[in-house]
PDB file of N, CA and C in Angstrom:
ATOM      1  N   MET A   1     -14.822 -44.221   8.254  1.00  0.00           N
ATOM      2  CA  MET A   1     -15.285 -43.336   7.828  1.00  0.00           C
ATOM      3  C   MET A   1     -14.987 -42.175   8.280  1.00  0.00           C
ATOM      4  N   LYS A   2     -14.703 -42.030   9.886  1.00  0.00           N
ATOM      5  CA  LYS A   2     -14.003 -41.436  10.325  1.00  0.00           C
ATOM      6  C   LYS A   2     -12.543 -41.153  10.054  1.00  0.00           C
ATOM      7  N   LYS A   3     -12.022 -41.348  10.130  1.00  0.00           N
ATOM      8  CA  LYS A   3     -10.478 -41.630   9.730  1.00  0.00           C
ATOM      9  C   LYS A   3     -10.187 -40.686   8.293  1.00  0.00           C
ATOM     10  N   ILE A   4     -11.062 -40.866   7.499  1.00  0.00           N
ATOM     11  CA  ILE A   4     -11.074 -40.283   5.994  1.00  0.00           C
ATOM     12  C   ILE A   4     -11.336 -39.007   6.564  1.00  0.00           C
ATOM     13  N   VAL A   5     -12.699 -38.588   7.126  1.00  0.00           N
ATOM     14  CA  VAL A   5     -12.892 -37.270   7.984  1.00  0.00           C
ATOM     15  C   VAL A   5     -12.068 -36.652   8.237  1.00  0.00           C
ATOM     16  N   SER A   6     -11.027 -37.742   9.719  1.00  0.00           N
ATOM     17  CA  SER A   6     -10.273 -36.486  10.270  1.00  0.00           C
ATOM     18  C   SER A   6      -8.915 -36.298   9.244  1.00  0.00           C
ATOM     19  N   ILE A   7      -8.842 -36.908   7.835  1.00  0.00           N
ATOM     20  CA  ILE A   7      -7.390 -37.020   7.452  1.00  0.00           C
ATOM     21  C   ILE A   7      -8.008 -35.736   6.415  1.00  0.00           C
ATOM     22  N   PHE A   8      -9.176 -35.611   6.083  1.00  0.00           N
ATOM     23  CA  PHE A   8      -9.561 -34.385   5.030  1.00  0.00           C
ATOM     24  C   PHE A   8      -9.703 -33.368   5.428  1.00  0.00           C
ATOM     25  N   LEU A   9      -9.825 -33.204   7.152  1.00  0.00           N
ATOM     26  CA  LEU A   9      -9.902 -31.907   7.976  1.00  0.00           C
ATOM     27  C   LEU A   9      -8.653 -31.740   8.121  1.00  0.00           C
ATOM     28  N   ALA A  10      -7.671 -32.575   8.540  1.00  0.00           N
ATOM     29  CA  ALA A  10      -6.549 -32.283   8.494  1.00  0.00           C
ATOM     30  C   ALA A  10      -5.218 -31.533   7.210  1.00  0.00           C
ATOM     31  N   VAL A  11      -6.130 -32.020   6.272  1.00  0.00           N
ATOM     32  CA  VAL A  11      -5.329 -31.545   4.840  1.00  0.00           C
ATOM     33  C   VAL A  11      -6.069 -29.884   4.663  1.00  0.00           C
ATOM     34  N   ILE A  12      -7.614 -29.432   4.925  1.00  0.00           N
ATOM     35  CA  ILE A  12      -8.308 -28.783   4.555  1.00  0.00           C
ATOM     36  C   ILE A  12      -7.464 -27.412   5.850  1.00  0.00           C
ATOM     37  N   ILE A  13      -7.393 -27.929   6.936  1.00  0.00           N
ATOM     38  CA  ILE A  13      -6.355 -26.783   7.534  1.00  0.00           C
ATOM     39  C   ILE A  13      -5.428 -26.527   7.304  1.00  0.00           C
ATOM     40  N   ALA A  14      -4.303 -27.513   7.319  1.00  0.00           N
ATOM     41  CA  ALA A  14      -2.632 -26.847   6.597  1.00  0.00           C
ATOM     42  C   ALA A  14      -3.008 -26.470   5.300  1.00  0.00           C
ATOM     43  N   PHE A  15      -4.007 -26.673   4.328  1.00  0.00           N
ATOM     44  CA  PHE A  15      -4.020 -25.563   2.945  1.00  0.00           C
ATOM     45  C   PHE A  15      -4.127 -24.486   3.237  1.00  0.00           C
ATOM     46  N   SER A  16      -5.234 -23.865   4.685  1.00  0.00           N
ATOM     47  CA  SER A  16      -5.779 -22.826   4.600  1.00  0.00           C
ATOM     48  C   SER A  16      -4.904 -22.224   5.625  1.00  0.00           C
ATOM     49  N   ALA A  17      -3.893 -22.564   6.281  1.00  0.00           N
ATOM     50  CA  ALA A  17      -2.762 -21.971   7.229  1.00  0.00           C
ATOM     51  C   ALA A  17      -1.811 -21.897   5.883  1.00  0.00           C
ATOM     52  N   VAL A  18      -1.480 -22.499   4.826  1.00  0.00           N
ATOM     53  CA  VAL A  18      -0.559 -22.172   3.662  1.00  0.00           C
ATOM     54  C   VAL A  18      -1.116 -20.976   2.976  1.00  0.00           C
ATOM     55  N   ILE A  19      -2.880 -21.152   2.645  1.00  0.00           N
ATOM     56  CA  ILE A  19      -3.065 -19.856   2.251  1.00  0.00           C
ATOM     57  C   ILE A  19      -3.223 -18.474   2.725  1.00  0.00           C
ATOM     58  N   MET A  20      -3.400 -18.378   3.972  1.00  0.00           N
ATOM     59  CA  MET A  20      -3.377 -17.341   4.845  1.00  0.00           C
ATOM     60  C   MET A  20      -1.473 -16.966   4.775  1.00  0.00           C
ATOM     61  N   ALA A  21      -0.497 -17.669   4.923  1.00  0.00           N
ATOM     62  CA  ALA A  21       1.078 -17.200   4.738  1.00  0.00           C
ATOM     63  C   ALA A  21       1.181 -16.999   3.928  1.00  0.00           C
ATOM     64  N   ALA A  22       0.328 -17.313   2.792  1.00  0.00           N
ATOM     65  CA  ALA A  22       1.075 -16.845   1.337  1.00  0.00           C
ATOM     66  C   ALA A  22      -0.005 -15.347   1.019  1.00  0.00           C
ATOM     67  N   ALA A  23      -0.930 -15.052   2.004  1.00  0.00           N
ATOM     68  CA  ALA A  23      -1.336 -13.494   1.652  1.00  0.00           C
ATOM     69  C   ALA A  23      -1.196 -12.912   2.681  1.00  0.00           C
ATOM     70  N   THR A  24      -0.028 -12.593   3.055  1.00  0.00           N
ATOM     71  CA  THR A  24      -0.072 -12.317   4.223  1.00  0.00           C
ATOM     72  C   THR A  24       1.047 -10.766   3.546  1.00  0.00           C
ATOM     73  N   ASP A  25       0.407  -9.480   4.094  1.00  0.00           N
ATOM     74  CA  ASP A  25       1.087  -8.273   3.161  1.00  0.00           C
ATOM     75  C   ASP A  25       2.060  -7.798   4.332  1.00  0.00           C
ATOM     76  N   TYR A  26       2.794  -7.177   3.434  1.00  0.00           N
ATOM     77  CA  TYR A  26       3.660  -5.941   4.177  1.00  0.00           C
ATOM     78  C   TYR A  26       3.601  -4.990   3.702  1.00  0.00           C
ATOM     79  N   THR A  27       3.237  -3.676   4.833  1.00  0.00           N
ATOM     80  CA  THR A  27       3.382  -2.755   3.863  1.00  0.00           C
ATOM     81  C   THR A  27       3.965  -1.490   4.032  1.00  0.00           C
ATOM     82  N   CYS A  28       4.820  -0.525   3.326  1.00  0.00           N
ATOM     83  CA  CYS A  28       5.565   0.348   3.881  1.00  0.00           C
ATOM     84  C   CYS A  28       5.016   1.014   4.375  1.00  0.00           C
ATOM     85  N   LYS A  29       5.291   1.454   5.593  1.00  0.00           N
ATOM     86  CA  LYS A  29       4.863   2.202   6.379  1.00  0.00           C
ATOM     87  C   LYS A  29       5.455   4.125   6.051  1.00  0.00           C
ATOM     88  N   VAL A  30       6.291   4.104   4.947  1.00  0.00           N
ATOM     89  CA  VAL A  30       7.134   5.322   4.870  1.00  0.00           C
ATOM     90  C   VAL A  30       6.005   5.945   3.142  1.00  0.00           C
ATOM     91  N   CYS A  31       5.591   4.576   2.532  1.00  0.00           N
ATOM     92  CA  CYS A  31       5.105   5.110   0.751  1.00  0.00           C
ATOM     93  C   CYS A  31       3.535   4.633   0.537  1.00  0.00           C
ATOM     94  N   GLY A  32       3.539   3.411   1.576  1.00  0.00           N
ATOM     95  CA  GLY A  32       2.517   2.720   1.394  1.00  0.00           C
ATOM     96  C   GLY A  32       2.118   1.456   0.080  1.00  0.00           C
ATOM     97  N   LYS A  33       3.759   1.545  -0.275  1.00  0.00           N
ATOM     98  CA  LYS A  33       3.449  -0.138  -0.950  1.00  0.00           C
ATOM     99  C   LYS A  33       3.040  -1.387   0.012  1.00  0.00           C
ATOM    100  N   ILE A  34       2.843  -2.180  -0.967  1.00  0.00           N
ATOM    101  CA  ILE A  34       2.123  -3.715  -0.493  1.00  0.00           C
ATOM    102  C   ILE A  34       3.513  -4.679  -1.355  1.00  0.00           C
ATOM    103  N   TYR A  35       3.480  -5.129   0.162  1.00  0.00           N
ATOM    104  CA  TYR A  35       4.371  -6.867  -1.037  1.00  0.00           C
ATOM    105  C   TYR A  35       3.921  -8.138  -0.259  1.00  0.00           C
ATOM    106  N   THR A  36       3.589  -8.879  -0.859  1.00  0.00           N
ATOM    107  CA  THR A  36       3.666 -10.100  -0.216  1.00  0.00           C
ATOM    108  C   THR A  36       4.906 -11.121  -0.016  1.00  0.00           C
ATOM    109  N   ASP A  37       6.044 -10.777  -0.313  1.00  0.00           N
ATOM    110  CA  ASP A  37       7.640 -11.380  -0.020  1.00  0.00           C
ATOM    111  C   ASP A  37       8.377 -10.610   0.713  1.00  0.00           C
ATOM    112  N   VAL A  38       8.175 -10.986   2.404  1.00  0.00           N
ATOM    113  CA  VAL A  38       8.877 -10.513   3.131  1.00  0.00           C
ATOM    114  C   VAL A  38      10.501  -9.811   3.003  1.00  0.00           C
ATOM    115  N   ASN A  39      11.439 -10.906   1.908  1.00  0.00           N
ATOM    116  CA  ASN A  39      13.031 -10.084   1.286  1.00  0.00           C
ATOM    117  C   ASN A  39      12.307  -9.330   0.587  1.00  0.00           C
ATOM    118  N   GLU A  40      11.797  -8.841  -0.419  1.00  0.00           N
ATOM    119  CA  GLU A  40      10.979  -7.665  -0.929  1.00  0.00           C
ATOM    120  C   GLU A  40      11.279  -6.662  -0.868  1.00  0.00           C
ATOM    121  N   TYR A  41      10.158  -6.802   0.655  1.00  0.00           N
ATOM    122  CA  TYR A  41       9.572  -5.479   1.238  1.00  0.00           C
ATOM    123  C   TYR A  41      10.593  -5.192   2.108  1.00  0.00           C
ATOM    124  N   ASN A  42      11.628  -6.511   2.774  1.00  0.00           N
ATOM    125  CA  ASN A  42      13.116  -5.676   3.874  1.00  0.00           C
ATOM    126  C   ASN A  42      13.780  -4.832   2.164  1.00  0.00           C
ATOM    127  N   GLU A  43      14.122  -5.741   1.321  1.00  0.00           N
ATOM    128  CA  GLU A  43      14.943  -4.348   0.378  1.00  0.00           C
ATOM    129  C   GLU A  43      14.539  -3.195   0.194  1.00  0.00           C
ATOM    130  N   HIS A  44      13.109  -3.311  -0.289  1.00  0.00           N
ATOM    131  CA  HIS A  44      12.482  -2.166  -0.582  1.00  0.00           C
ATOM    132  C   HIS A  44      12.216  -0.896   0.636  1.00  0.00           C
ATOM    133  N   ILE A  45      12.751  -1.578   1.899  1.00  0.00           N
ATOM    134  CA  ILE A  45      13.008  -0.541   3.353  1.00  0.00           C
ATOM    135  C   ILE A  45      14.117   0.238   3.104  1.00  0.00           C
ATOM    136  N   GLU A  46      15.018  -0.728   2.938  1.00  0.00           N
ATOM    137  CA  GLU A  46      16.064  -0.075   3.095  1.00  0.00           C
ATOM    138  C   GLU A  46      16.410   1.242   1.431  1.00  0.00           C
ATOM    139  N   SER A  47      15.603   1.539   0.569  1.00  0.00           N
ATOM    140  CA  SER A  47      15.543   2.117  -0.192  1.00  0.00           C
ATOM    141  C   SER A  47      14.740   3.346   0.383  1.00  0.00           C
ATOM    142  N   HIS A  48      14.485   3.964   1.515  1.00  0.00           N
ATOM    143  CA  HIS A  48      13.751   4.998   2.030  1.00  0.00           C
ATOM    144  C   HIS A  48      15.533   5.536   2.916  1.00  0.00           C
ATOM    145  N   PRO A  49      15.447   6.820   3.196  1.00  0.00           N
ATOM    146  CA  PRO A  49      16.182   7.244   3.898  1.00  0.00           C
ATOM    147  C   PRO A  49      15.729   7.053   5.617  1.00  0.00           C
ATOM    148  N   ALA A  50      16.967   7.367   6.018  1.00  0.00           N
ATOM    149  CA  ALA A  50      16.637   7.254   7.564  1.00  0.00           C
ATOM    150  C   ALA A  50      15.662   8.163   8.246  1.00  0.00           C
ATOM    151  N   GLU A  51      14.772   7.438   9.107  1.00  0.00           N
ATOM    152  CA  GLU A  51      13.740   8.282   9.488  1.00  0.00           C
ATOM    153  C   GLU A  51      13.956  10.013   9.734  1.00  0.00           C
ATOM    154  N   SER A  52      15.146  10.100  10.116  1.00  0.00           N
ATOM    155  CA  SER A  52      15.600  11.598  10.170  1.00  0.00           C
ATOM    156  C   SER A  52      15.796  12.184   9.240  1.00  0.00           C
ATOM    157  N   GLU A  53      16.468  11.621   7.886  1.00  0.00           N
ATOM    158  CA  GLU A  53      16.570  12.368   7.122  1.00  0.00           C
ATOM    159  C   GLU A  53      15.190  12.211   6.053  1.00  0.00           C
ATOM    160  N   THR A  54      13.612  11.645   6.606  1.00  0.00           N
ATOM    161  CA  THR A  54      12.887  11.504   5.437  1.00  0.00           C
ATOM    162  C   THR A  54      11.992  13.135   5.641  1.00  0.00           C
ATOM    163  N   LYS A  55      11.786  13.344   4.718  1.00  0.00           N
ATOM    164  CA  LYS A  55      11.581  14.863   3.947  1.00  0.00           C
ATOM    165  C   LYS A  55       9.792  14.599   4.010  1.00  0.00           C
ATOM    166  N   GLU A  56       8.713  15.203   4.590  1.00  0.00           N
ATOM    167  CA  GLU A  56       7.440  15.662   4.950  1.00  0.00           C
ATOM    168  C   GLU A  56       6.660  16.263   3.381  1.00  0.00           C
ATOM    169  N   PHE A  57       5.558  16.094   2.742  1.00  0.00           N
ATOM    170  CA  PHE A  57       5.353  16.668   1.858  1.00  0.00           C
ATOM    171  C   PHE A  57       3.736  16.456   2.295  1.00  0.00           C
ATOM    172  N   THR A  58       3.049  18.053   2.628  1.00  0.00           N
ATOM    173  CA  THR A  58       2.023  18.087   3.171  1.00  0.00           C
ATOM    174  C   THR A  58       1.418  19.062   2.078  1.00  0.00           C
ATOM    175  N   CYS A  59      -0.286  17.964   1.677  1.00  0.00           N
ATOM    176  CA  CYS A  59      -1.173  18.494   0.507  1.00  0.00           C
ATOM    177  C   CYS A  59      -1.461  19.984   1.230  1.00  0.00           C
ATOM    178  N   PRO A  60      -1.394  20.969   0.710  1.00  0.00           N
ATOM    179  CA  PRO A  60      -2.127  22.600   1.055  1.00  0.00           C
ATOM    180  C   PRO A  60      -3.675  22.468   0.966  1.00  0.00           C
ATOM    181  N   THR A  61      -4.105  21.498   0.247  1.00  0.00           N
ATOM    182  CA  THR A  61      -5.300  21.324  -0.342  1.00  0.00           C
ATOM    183  C   THR A  61      -5.593  20.588   0.778  1.00  0.00           C
ATOM    184  N   CYS A  62      -5.807  18.962   0.947  1.00  0.00           N
ATOM    185  CA  CYS A  62      -6.190  17.799   1.623  1.00  0.00           C
ATOM    186  C   CYS A  62      -5.343  17.732   2.749  1.00  0.00           C
ATOM    187  N   LYS A  63      -4.120  18.511   3.162  1.00  0.00           N
ATOM    188  CA  LYS A  63      -3.421  18.140   3.969  1.00  0.00           C
ATOM    189  C   LYS A  63      -2.655  16.478   3.759  1.00  0.00           C
ATOM    190  N   LYS A  64      -3.494  15.994   3.228  1.00  0.00           N
ATOM    191  CA  LYS A  64      -2.643  14.346   3.082  1.00  0.00           C
ATOM    192  C   LYS A  64      -0.856  14.507   3.286  1.00  0.00           C
ATOM    193  N   VAL A  65      -0.406  13.791   3.280  1.00  0.00           N
ATOM    194  CA  VAL A  65       1.231  13.567   3.782  1.00  0.00           C
ATOM    195  C   VAL A  65       1.518  12.819   3.099  1.00  0.00           C
ATOM    196  N   PHE A  66       3.123  12.718   2.350  1.00  0.00           N
ATOM    197  CA  PHE A  66       3.651  12.062   1.489  1.00  0.00           C
ATOM    198  C   PHE A  66       5.623  11.771   1.779  1.00  0.00           C
ATOM    199  N   TYR A  67       5.816  11.552   1.241  1.00  0.00           N
ATOM    200  CA  TYR A  67       7.073  11.554   1.850  1.00  0.00           C
ATOM    201  C   TYR A  67       8.390  10.888   0.589  1.00  0.00           C
ATOM    202  N   ASP A  68       7.521  11.508  -0.387  1.00  0.00           N
ATOM    203  CA  ASP A  68       8.012  10.806  -1.803  1.00  0.00           C
ATOM    204  C   ASP A  68       7.710  12.128  -2.406  1.00  0.00           C
ATOM    205  N   SER A  69       8.530  12.731  -3.589  1.00  0.00           N
ATOM    206  CA  SER A  69       8.170  14.120  -4.086  1.00  0.00           C
ATOM    207  C   SER A  69       7.404  14.175  -4.816  1.00  0.00           C
ATOM    208  N   ARG A  70       8.190  12.789  -5.920  1.00  0.00           N
ATOM    209  CA  ARG A  70       7.513  12.144  -7.274  1.00  0.00           C
ATOM    210  C   ARG A  70       5.783  12.434  -6.910  1.00  0.00           C
ATOM    211  N   GLU A  71       5.450  11.122  -5.729  1.00  0.00           N
ATOM    212  CA  GLU A  71       3.608  11.173  -5.603  1.00  0.00           C
ATOM    213  C   GLU A  71       3.432  12.656  -5.338  1.00  0.00           C
ATOM    214  N   TYR A  72       3.643  13.146  -3.568  1.00  0.00           N
ATOM    215  CA  TYR A  72       3.606  14.484  -3.522  1.00  0.00           C
ATOM    216  C   TYR A  72       2.986  15.462  -5.053  1.00  0.00           C
ATOM    217  N   ASN A  73       4.107  15.154  -5.692  1.00  0.00           N
ATOM    218  CA  ASN A  73       3.658  16.238  -6.998  1.00  0.00           C
ATOM    219  C   ASN A  73       2.469  15.724  -7.702  1.00  0.00           C
ATOM    220  N   ASN A  74       2.487  14.454  -7.556  1.00  0.00           N
ATOM    221  CA  ASN A  74       1.384  13.529  -8.846  1.00  0.00           C
ATOM    222  C   ASN A  74      -0.137  13.911  -7.983  1.00  0.00           C
ATOM    223  N   HIS A  75      -0.054  13.900  -6.735  1.00  0.00           N
ATOM    224  CA  HIS A  75      -1.250  13.753  -6.019  1.00  0.00           C
ATOM    225  C   HIS A  75      -1.763  15.969  -6.176  1.00  0.00           C
ATOM    226  N   LEU A  76      -1.368  16.421  -5.912  1.00  0.00           N
ATOM    227  CA  LEU A  76      -1.135  17.514  -5.983  1.00  0.00           C
ATOM    228  C   LEU A  76      -2.147  18.203  -7.789  1.00  0.00           C
ATOM    229  N   ASP A  77      -1.046  17.279  -8.472  1.00  0.00           N
ATOM    230  CA  ASP A  77      -2.232  17.714 -10.272  1.00  0.00           C
ATOM    231  C   ASP A  77      -3.329  17.092 -10.258  1.00  0.00           C
ATOM    232  N   THR A  78      -3.858  16.037  -9.195  1.00  0.00           N
ATOM    233  CA  THR A  78      -5.116  15.549  -9.271  1.00  0.00           C
ATOM    234  C   THR A  78      -5.811  16.646  -8.387  1.00  0.00           C
ATOM    235  N   HIS A  79      -5.651  17.650  -7.628  1.00  0.00           N
ATOM    236  CA  HIS A  79      -6.438  18.675  -7.487  1.00  0.00           C
ATOM    237  C   HIS A  79      -6.417  19.645  -8.426  1.00  0.00           C
ATOM    238  N   ALA A  80      -5.337  20.004  -9.344  1.00  0.00           N
ATOM    239  CA  ALA A  80      -5.496  20.914 -10.274  1.00  0.00           C
ATOM    240  C   ALA A  80      -6.663  20.306 -11.311  1.00  0.00           C
ATOM    241  N   ALA A  81      -6.545  19.804 -11.647  1.00  0.00           N
ATOM    242  CA  ALA A  81      -7.525  18.978 -12.666  1.00  0.00           C
ATOM    243  C   ALA A  81      -8.505  18.452 -12.136  1.00  0.00           C
ATOM    244  N   ALA A  82      -9.260  18.810 -10.860  1.00  0.00           N
ATOM    245  CA  ALA A  82      -9.955  18.859 -10.497  1.00  0.00           C
ATOM    246  C   ALA A  82     -10.850  20.239 -10.907  1.00  0.00           C
ATOM    247  N   GLU A  83     -10.036  21.397  -9.867  1.00  0.00           N
ATOM    248  CA  GLU A  83     -10.200  22.641 -10.198  1.00  0.00           C
ATOM    249  C   GLU A  83     -10.439  23.074 -11.500  1.00  0.00           C
ATOM    250  N   GLU A  84      -9.747  22.446 -12.730  1.00  0.00           N
ATOM    251  CA  GLU A  84     -10.273  22.942 -14.227  1.00  0.00           C
ATOM    252  C   GLU A  84     -11.036  22.829 -14.757  1.00  0.00           C
ATOM    253  N   THR A  85     -11.868  20.820 -13.968  1.00  0.00           N
ATOM    254  CA  THR A  85     -12.818  20.791 -14.418  1.00  0.00           C
ATOM    255  C   THR A  85     -14.398  21.470 -13.880  1.00  0.00           C
ATOM    256  N   THR A  86     -14.116  22.267 -13.187  1.00  0.00           N
ATOM    257  CA  THR A  86     -14.606  22.874 -11.804  1.00  0.00           C
ATOM    258  C   THR A  86     -14.874  23.907 -12.566  1.00  0.00           C
ATOM    259  N   GLU A  87     -14.004  24.741 -13.673  1.00  0.00           N
ATOM    260  CA  GLU A  87     -14.141  25.599 -13.816  1.00  0.00           C
ATOM    261  C   GLU A  87     -14.482  26.307 -14.497  1.00  0.00           C
ATOM    262  N   GLU A  88     -14.166  24.694 -15.556  1.00  0.00           N
ATOM    263  CA  GLU A  88     -14.513  24.247 -16.872  1.00  0.00           C
ATOM    264  C   GLU A  88     -16.450  24.066 -16.756  1.00  0.00           C
ATOM    265  N   SER A  89     -16.864  23.875 -16.137  1.00  0.00           N
ATOM    266  CA  SER A  89     -18.499  23.330 -15.903  1.00  0.00           C
ATOM    267  C   SER A  89     -19.456  25.053 -15.389  1.00  0.00           C
ATOM    268  N   LYS A  90     -18.287  26.213 -14.844  1.00  0.00           N
ATOM    269  CA  LYS A  90     -18.704  26.876 -14.206  1.00  0.00           C
ATOM    270  C   LYS A  90     -19.057  28.042 -15.430  1.00  0.00           C
ATOM    271  N   ALA A  91     -17.855  27.542 -16.503  1.00  0.00           N
ATOM    272  CA  ALA A  91     -18.163  28.513 -17.404  1.00  0.00           C
ATOM    273  C   ALA A  91     -19.389  28.280 -18.488  1.00  0.00           C
ATOM    274  N   GLU A  92     -19.747  27.091 -18.392  1.00  0.00           N
ATOM    275  CA  GLU A  92     -21.079  26.802 -19.705  1.00  0.00           C
ATOM    276  C   GLU A  92     -21.870  27.263 -18.903  1.00  0.00           C
TER     277      GLU A  92
END
């Protein structure tokens, strides 16, 4: 019985290690995208320009920093939409 329990525990520990390894996330420090596959992550990192060439976009409203102009512009739209909602509610 002890041998069966020992084997069972060994299997659970091994399975836990596999799950933990699969759950490892690789987060891009430039844009925040998350990858679970290291090869996809490395390929993505190469898509960003060298650090010296990276341009920062800082939101004038909340000071959040972006390195991608599309993400920056999308973010600015969220502030504009919130402002429109506020103006509409004041008009009522």
